[in-house]
Amino acid sequence: MGNLLKKDSKYWNDWRWQLKNRIKTPQGLKKYFKNLTEDEEKGLKLTAEEFPIAVTPYYLSLADPYNPECPIRKQVVPRYSEIDPKIQISCDPNALEEEGEIPHLTHRYPDRVLITLTTMCPVYCRHCMRKRKVGKPERAITEEEFKPIWDYIKKQNQIREVLISGGDPLVLSNEKLFHYIRQLKKIDHIEVIRIGTRTPVILPQRFYDDELLRFLEEISPVWIVTHFNHPKEITEEVSLAVKNIRKTANPVLNQTVLLKGINDNPQTMEELFRGLIRIGVKPYYLFHCDPIYGVVHFRTPIEVGLKIMSHLRGRVSGLAQPIYALDLPHGKGKVVLSPQYLVKKEGRKHYFRNYEGEIVEYEF
């Protein structure tokens, strides 16, 4: 384990080496983490049988081996809470029924679709909304599976945007990834391609690959949408990865999930969003954690998110403020959540509460 975490290794910045050397067993995690809690001990024994384990040496190196409250540790070490029936009883059993008639394709909104190119991720995050599907087994879709997806999109002229997702599509070989994206680029009515990937956070070395960077420059613009949850994830390696992406003339957006015990306080979120803007990443969404089996223990009351958004208003620039949203049940779409600033209305007079709590009169 010690050798795997030596950053001066000549292989450390090789993304393929990072993937090949992921820690994927309870025994592997036990070698790194000390003073495991009872929840973690039971998780490594029982939860790991239901939900897979995987973490890159890079991302593991960010975790505190001695502190169970470490926000990185909570995202990679399985806990019994993930399968405890007393906790997970409030989950939505249909929350992951995303696909339609064509496997690996989700068409929820009229103008956009999501393609799942692989079930593999560099890290199997404990809060993942697709944790019942990823890594079971780890596989990429075949050309035969991609063809009906391409044919469907080609025939549906109302589709303007394609989100490439997974798993994480950036674990694919350059050859496969480039092929699928080039095929989608051939469809005349596709205006936007998004790549949903957490690799800038958990495998930043992926963006040290010159061949990938040349391809991203070739197909610009594509929207790289990533997933930072905590300021501890903003490192020198990550800053370099984002810098490399931006050199290809492609924007980088971020989707954070509100997670109990990890980032559910205004100060942490303010630090995170300030840090993201500093390295050139636009906070895009703050998602309320879905009621999905295996992640219910990470959920917070909606009011926690509203308090965070209220705190951000007036304290950080609009560039650093995401949209707070949640997914409605049964695929009914996202709704935006926002603090209520209009307190009351009397004739033409409106009374607003500003970010400092002061009531201000405004006449219209």
Protein backbone atom coordinates (compact mmCIF):
# COMPACT_ATOMS: atom_id res chain seq x y z
CA MET A 1 0.00 0.00 0.00
CA GLY A 2 2.81 2.38 0.85
CA ASN A 3 4.37 2.04 -2.61
CA LEU A 4 1.04 2.71 -4.29
CA LEU A 5 0.73 6.07 -2.56
CA LYS A 6 4.20 7.40 -3.36
CA LYS A 7 3.59 10.43 -5.52
CA ASP A 8 7.20 10.47 -6.67
CA SER A 9 6.66 7.16 -8.48
CA LYS A 10 7.35 7.45 -12.20
CA TYR A 11 3.90 5.98 -12.81
CA TRP A 12 1.91 8.29 -10.52
CA ASN A 13 0.82 10.64 -13.31
CA ASP A 14 -0.15 7.81 -15.66
CA TRP A 15 -3.94 7.54 -15.60
CA ARG A 16 -3.83 3.95 -16.82
CA TRP A 17 -1.56 3.02 -13.90
CA GLN A 18 -3.97 4.75 -11.52
CA LEU A 19 -6.88 2.72 -12.90
CA LYS A 20 -4.96 -0.55 -12.88
CA ASN A 21 -3.92 -0.07 -9.26
CA ARG A 22 -7.28 0.88 -7.79
CA ILE A 23 -7.90 -0.51 -4.32
CA LYS A 24 -10.92 -2.77 -4.79
CA THR A 25 -11.12 -4.94 -1.66
CA PRO A 26 -11.97 -4.47 2.02
CA GLN A 27 -8.51 -5.81 2.84
CA GLY A 28 -6.92 -3.12 0.71
CA LEU A 29 -8.78 -0.34 2.50
CA LYS A 30 -8.01 -1.83 5.92
CA LYS A 31 -4.29 -1.53 5.16
CA TYR A 32 -4.69 2.23 4.77
CA PHE A 33 -7.38 3.30 7.23
CA LYS A 34 -6.69 3.13 10.95
CA ASN A 35 -9.07 3.08 13.93
CA LEU A 36 -12.06 1.98 11.83
CA THR A 37 -15.44 2.74 13.36
CA GLU A 38 -17.99 0.01 14.01
CA ASP A 39 -20.03 1.35 11.07
CA GLU A 40 -16.97 1.09 8.80
CA GLU A 41 -15.98 -2.37 10.09
CA LYS A 42 -19.46 -3.73 9.38
CA GLY A 43 -19.49 -1.90 6.06
CA LEU A 44 -16.25 -3.51 4.92
CA LYS A 45 -17.63 -6.89 5.94
CA LEU A 46 -21.25 -6.67 4.79
CA THR A 47 -21.87 -3.62 2.58
CA ALA A 48 -18.96 -4.45 0.30
CA GLU A 49 -20.79 -7.64 -0.68
CA GLU A 50 -23.66 -5.56 -2.12
CA PHE A 51 -21.97 -2.41 -3.43
CA PRO A 52 -18.52 -2.54 -5.07
CA ILE A 53 -15.36 -0.87 -3.79
CA ALA A 54 -12.84 0.97 -5.94
CA VAL A 55 -10.62 3.98 -5.30
CA THR A 56 -7.62 5.30 -7.20
CA PRO A 57 -4.32 5.63 -5.33
CA TYR A 58 -4.46 9.38 -6.00
CA TYR A 59 -7.89 9.92 -4.45
CA LEU A 60 -7.12 7.58 -1.55
CA SER A 61 -4.04 9.67 -0.77
CA LEU A 62 -6.35 12.63 -0.01
CA ALA A 63 -8.18 10.71 2.73
CA ASP A 64 -7.19 10.95 6.39
CA PRO A 65 -6.37 7.42 7.58
CA TYR A 66 -6.98 8.36 11.22
CA ASN A 67 -10.08 10.57 11.12
CA PRO A 68 -13.42 8.85 10.41
CA GLU A 69 -15.00 12.28 9.82
CA CYS A 70 -12.69 13.03 6.88
CA PRO A 71 -14.92 14.05 3.92
CA ILE A 72 -12.85 12.00 1.46
CA ARG A 73 -12.87 8.96 3.71
CA LYS A 74 -16.67 9.14 3.94
CA GLN A 75 -16.89 9.08 0.15
CA VAL A 76 -14.76 5.94 -0.30
CA VAL A 77 -15.14 3.67 2.75
CA PRO A 78 -18.33 1.58 2.77
CA ARG A 79 -20.39 1.77 5.94
CA TYR A 80 -23.13 -0.44 7.25
CA SER A 81 -25.41 2.61 7.10
CA GLU A 82 -25.60 2.02 3.32
CA ILE A 83 -27.58 -1.18 3.80
CA ASP A 84 -29.01 -0.76 7.31
CA PRO A 85 -32.76 -1.40 6.82
CA LYS A 86 -33.59 0.95 9.70
CA ILE A 87 -31.97 3.82 7.77
CA GLN A 88 -32.56 2.92 4.13
CA ILE A 89 -36.27 2.22 4.60
CA SER A 90 -37.19 5.68 3.26
CA CYS A 91 -35.68 5.08 -0.17
CA ASP A 92 -37.53 5.32 -3.49
CA PRO A 93 -37.42 1.85 -5.14
CA ASN A 94 -38.09 3.33 -8.60
CA ALA A 95 -35.59 6.17 -8.45
CA LEU A 96 -33.14 4.49 -10.82
CA GLU A 97 -35.59 3.38 -13.48
CA GLU A 98 -34.16 5.79 -16.03
CA GLU A 99 -33.85 3.81 -19.25
CA GLY A 100 -36.55 3.39 -21.85
CA GLU A 101 -36.90 0.66 -24.46
CA ILE A 102 -33.32 1.06 -25.74
CA PRO A 103 -30.69 -0.17 -23.28
CA HIS A 104 -28.15 2.40 -22.07
CA LEU A 105 -30.28 5.33 -23.32
CA THR A 106 -32.38 7.71 -21.20
CA HIS A 107 -34.72 10.16 -22.92
CA ARG A 108 -36.50 12.03 -20.15
CA TYR A 109 -36.62 15.56 -21.56
CA PRO A 110 -37.74 16.25 -25.16
CA ASP A 111 -34.55 17.99 -26.31
CA ARG A 112 -31.83 15.89 -24.64
CA VAL A 113 -30.75 12.33 -23.98
CA LEU A 114 -28.27 10.54 -21.75
CA ILE A 115 -26.07 7.69 -22.96
CA THR A 116 -24.46 5.30 -20.50
CA LEU A 117 -21.26 4.20 -22.25
CA THR A 118 -19.82 2.13 -19.39
CA THR A 119 -20.62 0.79 -15.92
CA MET A 120 -17.05 1.38 -14.69
CA CYS A 121 -15.84 4.28 -12.52
CA PRO A 122 -12.35 5.07 -11.22
CA VAL A 123 -13.90 5.43 -7.74
CA TYR A 124 -17.17 3.95 -6.52
CA CYS A 125 -18.41 6.85 -4.44
CA ARG A 126 -20.52 5.81 -1.48
CA HIS A 127 -23.11 8.50 -2.30
CA CYS A 128 -23.52 7.50 -5.96
CA MET A 129 -27.13 7.58 -7.18
CA ARG A 130 -26.35 4.75 -9.62
CA LYS A 131 -24.56 2.54 -7.12
CA ARG A 132 -26.96 -0.35 -7.76
CA LYS A 133 -25.84 -0.39 -11.39
CA VAL A 134 -22.20 0.63 -11.62
CA GLY A 135 -19.44 -1.93 -11.44
CA LYS A 136 -21.77 -4.94 -11.72
CA PRO A 137 -19.86 -5.96 -13.79
CA GLU A 138 -17.42 -3.40 -15.13
CA ARG A 139 -18.05 -3.22 -18.87
CA ALA A 140 -18.34 -0.81 -21.77
CA ILE A 141 -21.19 -0.96 -24.25
CA THR A 142 -20.45 -2.65 -27.56
CA GLU A 143 -20.70 -1.25 -31.06
CA GLU A 144 -23.82 -3.39 -31.50
CA GLU A 145 -25.39 -1.75 -28.45
CA PHE A 146 -24.39 1.74 -29.57
CA LYS A 147 -25.93 1.43 -33.05
CA PRO A 148 -29.63 1.47 -31.98
CA ILE A 149 -28.86 4.43 -29.70
CA TRP A 150 -27.31 6.33 -32.62
CA ASP A 151 -30.18 5.38 -34.93
CA TYR A 152 -32.75 6.59 -32.39
CA ILE A 153 -31.03 9.95 -31.88
CA LYS A 154 -30.61 10.37 -35.64
CA LYS A 155 -34.37 9.97 -36.18
CA GLN A 156 -35.46 12.26 -33.33
CA ASN A 157 -34.97 15.78 -34.69
CA GLN A 158 -36.13 17.38 -31.42
CA ILE A 159 -33.02 16.06 -29.64
CA ARG A 160 -30.47 18.86 -29.47
CA GLU A 161 -28.21 17.72 -26.67
CA VAL A 162 -26.44 14.50 -25.70
CA LEU A 163 -25.02 13.81 -22.25
CA ILE A 164 -22.36 11.11 -22.28
CA SER A 165 -22.26 9.41 -18.91
CA GLY A 166 -21.74 6.07 -17.17
CA GLY A 167 -20.17 4.91 -14.93
CA ASP A 168 -17.55 7.33 -16.06
CA PRO A 169 -16.98 7.60 -19.82
CA LEU A 170 -13.41 8.84 -19.33
CA VAL A 171 -12.30 5.36 -18.24
CA LEU A 172 -12.78 4.23 -21.84
CA SER A 173 -9.78 3.96 -24.09
CA ASN A 174 -9.14 6.98 -26.26
CA GLU A 175 -10.00 4.91 -29.32
CA LYS A 176 -13.48 3.98 -28.07
CA LEU A 177 -14.28 7.37 -26.57
CA PHE A 178 -13.23 9.27 -29.68
CA HIS A 179 -15.17 6.92 -31.94
CA TYR A 180 -18.47 7.32 -30.09
CA ILE A 181 -18.21 11.10 -29.83
CA ARG A 182 -17.27 11.48 -33.50
CA GLN A 183 -20.29 9.40 -34.44
CA LEU A 184 -22.56 11.68 -32.42
CA LYS A 185 -20.96 14.75 -33.97
CA LYS A 186 -22.11 13.50 -37.38
CA ILE A 187 -25.78 14.01 -36.43
CA ASP A 188 -26.79 17.39 -37.84
CA HIS A 189 -29.37 18.36 -35.21
CA ILE A 190 -27.10 17.72 -32.22
CA GLU A 191 -26.00 21.13 -30.97
CA VAL A 192 -24.51 20.31 -27.56
CA ILE A 193 -22.46 17.41 -26.21
CA ARG A 194 -21.84 17.14 -22.50
CA ILE A 195 -19.42 14.73 -20.86
CA GLY A 196 -20.38 13.84 -17.30
CA THR A 197 -17.20 12.76 -15.54
CA ARG A 198 -15.68 12.82 -12.07
CA THR A 199 -12.17 12.14 -13.40
CA PRO A 200 -10.98 15.75 -12.87
CA VAL A 201 -11.59 15.14 -9.15
CA ILE A 202 -10.65 11.51 -8.61
CA LEU A 203 -8.34 10.82 -11.57
CA PRO A 204 -6.95 14.19 -12.71
CA GLN A 205 -4.12 12.38 -14.50
CA ARG A 206 -6.62 11.55 -17.25
CA PHE A 207 -6.20 15.13 -18.42
CA TYR A 208 -2.42 14.85 -18.63
CA ASP A 209 -2.97 12.65 -21.70
CA ASP A 210 -1.89 14.68 -24.75
CA GLU A 211 -3.92 12.54 -27.13
CA LEU A 212 -7.12 13.21 -25.16
CA LEU A 213 -6.38 16.93 -24.96
CA ARG A 214 -5.81 17.15 -28.71
CA PHE A 215 -9.13 15.42 -29.30
CA LEU A 216 -10.98 17.76 -26.93
CA GLU A 217 -9.52 20.71 -28.80
CA GLU A 218 -10.60 19.16 -32.11
CA ILE A 219 -14.23 18.73 -31.07
CA SER A 220 -14.59 21.95 -29.06
CA PRO A 221 -16.96 23.01 -27.72
CA VAL A 222 -18.00 20.16 -25.46
CA TRP A 223 -19.14 20.80 -21.92
CA ILE A 224 -17.14 18.98 -19.24
CA VAL A 225 -19.45 18.56 -16.23
CA THR A 226 -17.66 17.26 -13.17
CA HIS A 227 -18.43 16.65 -9.49
CA PHE A 228 -16.53 18.28 -6.62
CA ASN A 229 -18.10 17.88 -3.18
CA HIS A 230 -15.52 19.34 -0.82
CA PRO A 231 -12.71 21.92 -0.90
CA LYS A 232 -10.23 19.21 0.12
CA GLU A 233 -10.63 17.83 -3.41
CA ILE A 234 -9.14 20.98 -4.99
CA THR A 235 -5.45 20.06 -5.24
CA GLU A 236 -2.45 21.02 -7.39
CA GLU A 237 -3.06 17.94 -9.53
CA VAL A 238 -6.68 18.93 -10.04
CA SER A 239 -5.76 22.54 -10.84
CA LEU A 240 -3.40 21.30 -13.57
CA ALA A 241 -6.09 19.00 -15.01
CA VAL A 242 -8.60 21.87 -15.19
CA LYS A 243 -5.99 24.17 -16.71
CA ASN A 244 -5.30 21.58 -19.40
CA ILE A 245 -9.01 21.24 -20.19
CA ARG A 246 -9.47 24.98 -20.46
CA LYS A 247 -6.55 25.19 -22.88
CA THR A 248 -8.64 23.05 -25.25
CA ALA A 249 -11.31 25.80 -25.35
CA ASN A 250 -13.89 23.70 -23.49
CA PRO A 251 -15.81 24.96 -20.42
CA VAL A 252 -15.83 23.10 -17.10
CA LEU A 253 -18.96 23.05 -14.93
CA ASN A 254 -19.51 21.44 -11.55
CA GLN A 255 -22.38 19.57 -9.93
CA THR A 256 -22.15 19.21 -6.16
CA VAL A 257 -24.42 16.94 -4.13
CA LEU A 258 -25.51 18.12 -0.70
CA LEU A 259 -24.24 15.39 1.63
CA LYS A 260 -24.80 15.07 5.37
CA GLY A 261 -21.55 15.09 7.29
CA ILE A 262 -19.49 16.04 4.24
CA ASN A 263 -20.54 19.48 3.00
CA ASP A 264 -23.83 20.33 4.72
CA ASN A 265 -22.79 23.69 6.13
CA PRO A 266 -22.51 27.18 4.60
CA GLN A 267 -18.81 27.68 5.36
CA THR A 268 -17.72 24.49 3.59
CA MET A 269 -19.82 25.28 0.54
CA GLU A 270 -18.54 28.84 0.38
CA GLU A 271 -14.95 27.60 0.50
CA LEU A 272 -15.68 24.98 -2.16
CA PHE A 273 -17.34 27.35 -4.61
CA ARG A 274 -14.71 30.03 -4.12
CA GLY A 275 -12.05 27.42 -4.78
CA LEU A 276 -13.74 26.19 -7.93
CA ILE A 277 -14.02 29.68 -9.41
CA ARG A 278 -10.36 30.25 -8.58
CA ILE A 279 -9.26 27.32 -10.76
CA GLY A 280 -11.75 28.06 -13.55
CA VAL A 281 -14.69 25.75 -12.76
CA LYS A 282 -18.22 27.19 -12.73
CA PRO A 283 -20.50 25.90 -9.94
CA TYR A 284 -23.52 24.72 -11.94
CA TYR A 285 -25.82 22.68 -9.70
CA LEU A 286 -26.12 21.94 -6.02
CA PHE A 287 -28.27 18.82 -6.00
CA HIS A 288 -30.41 17.70 -3.11
CA CYS A 289 -29.48 14.09 -2.39
CA ASP A 290 -31.98 11.66 -3.93
CA PRO A 291 -33.90 9.12 -1.81
CA ILE A 292 -32.07 6.16 -3.34
CA TYR A 293 -31.30 2.90 -1.60
CA GLY A 294 -27.74 3.01 -0.32
CA VAL A 295 -27.48 6.80 -0.01
CA VAL A 296 -30.40 7.80 2.24
CA HIS A 297 -28.04 8.28 5.20
CA PHE A 298 -26.40 11.18 3.31
CA ARG A 299 -29.67 13.12 2.93
CA THR A 300 -30.39 16.39 4.71
CA PRO A 301 -33.59 18.40 5.14
CA ILE A 302 -34.27 20.74 2.22
CA GLU A 303 -33.97 23.66 4.65
CA VAL A 304 -30.24 22.91 5.02
CA GLY A 305 -29.71 23.60 1.34
CA LEU A 306 -31.85 26.73 1.47
CA LYS A 307 -29.78 28.03 4.38
CA ILE A 308 -26.60 27.46 2.38
CA MET A 309 -27.99 29.30 -0.64
CA SER A 310 -29.11 32.19 1.56
CA HIS A 311 -25.62 32.37 3.06
CA LEU A 312 -23.98 32.51 -0.36
CA ARG A 313 -26.16 35.40 -1.56
CA GLY A 314 -24.20 38.60 -1.05
CA ARG A 315 -21.10 36.79 0.22
CA VAL A 316 -19.81 35.32 -3.03
CA SER A 317 -20.23 36.56 -6.58
CA GLY A 318 -22.91 35.22 -8.87
CA LEU A 319 -20.20 33.26 -10.69
CA ALA A 320 -19.74 31.12 -7.59
CA GLN A 321 -23.43 30.42 -6.93
CA PRO A 322 -24.97 27.21 -8.28
CA ILE A 323 -28.63 26.38 -8.84
CA TYR A 324 -30.06 24.39 -5.92
CA ALA A 325 -32.31 21.69 -7.36
CA LEU A 326 -33.90 18.35 -6.68
CA ASP A 327 -35.25 15.59 -8.88
CA LEU A 328 -38.97 14.94 -8.52
CA PRO A 329 -40.17 11.32 -8.17
CA HIS A 330 -41.22 9.18 -11.16
CA GLY A 331 -39.03 11.06 -13.62
CA LYS A 332 -41.03 14.30 -13.39
CA GLY A 333 -37.91 16.42 -13.78
CA LYS A 334 -35.86 18.87 -11.75
CA VAL A 335 -37.25 21.79 -9.78
CA VAL A 336 -35.26 24.78 -8.57
CA LEU A 337 -35.20 25.59 -4.85
CA SER A 338 -34.47 29.11 -3.64
CA PRO A 339 -34.76 31.09 -0.40
CA GLN A 340 -37.78 33.38 -0.30
CA TYR A 341 -36.66 36.98 -0.34
CA LEU A 342 -40.08 38.60 -0.84
CA VAL A 343 -41.56 38.86 2.67
CA LYS A 344 -44.83 40.64 1.94
CA LYS A 345 -46.62 43.00 -0.45
CA GLU A 346 -48.84 46.00 0.43
CA GLY A 347 -50.26 47.74 -2.61
CA ARG A 348 -47.30 48.93 -4.65
CA LYS A 349 -44.91 48.35 -1.77
CA HIS A 350 -42.87 45.15 -1.66
CA TYR A 351 -40.76 44.12 1.32
CA PHE A 352 -37.66 42.04 0.75
CA ARG A 353 -35.24 40.36 3.12
CA ASN A 354 -31.63 40.83 1.96
CA TYR A 355 -28.69 38.48 2.59
CA GLU A 356 -27.99 40.15 5.96
CA GLY A 357 -31.57 39.62 7.14
CA GLU A 358 -32.53 43.29 6.81
CA ILE A 359 -36.08 44.04 5.57
CA VAL A 360 -35.97 46.56 2.70
CA GLU A 361 -38.95 48.39 1.20
CA TYR A 362 -39.22 48.50 -2.60
CA GLU A 363 -42.00 50.37 -4.40
CA PHE A 364 -43.19 49.29 -7.83
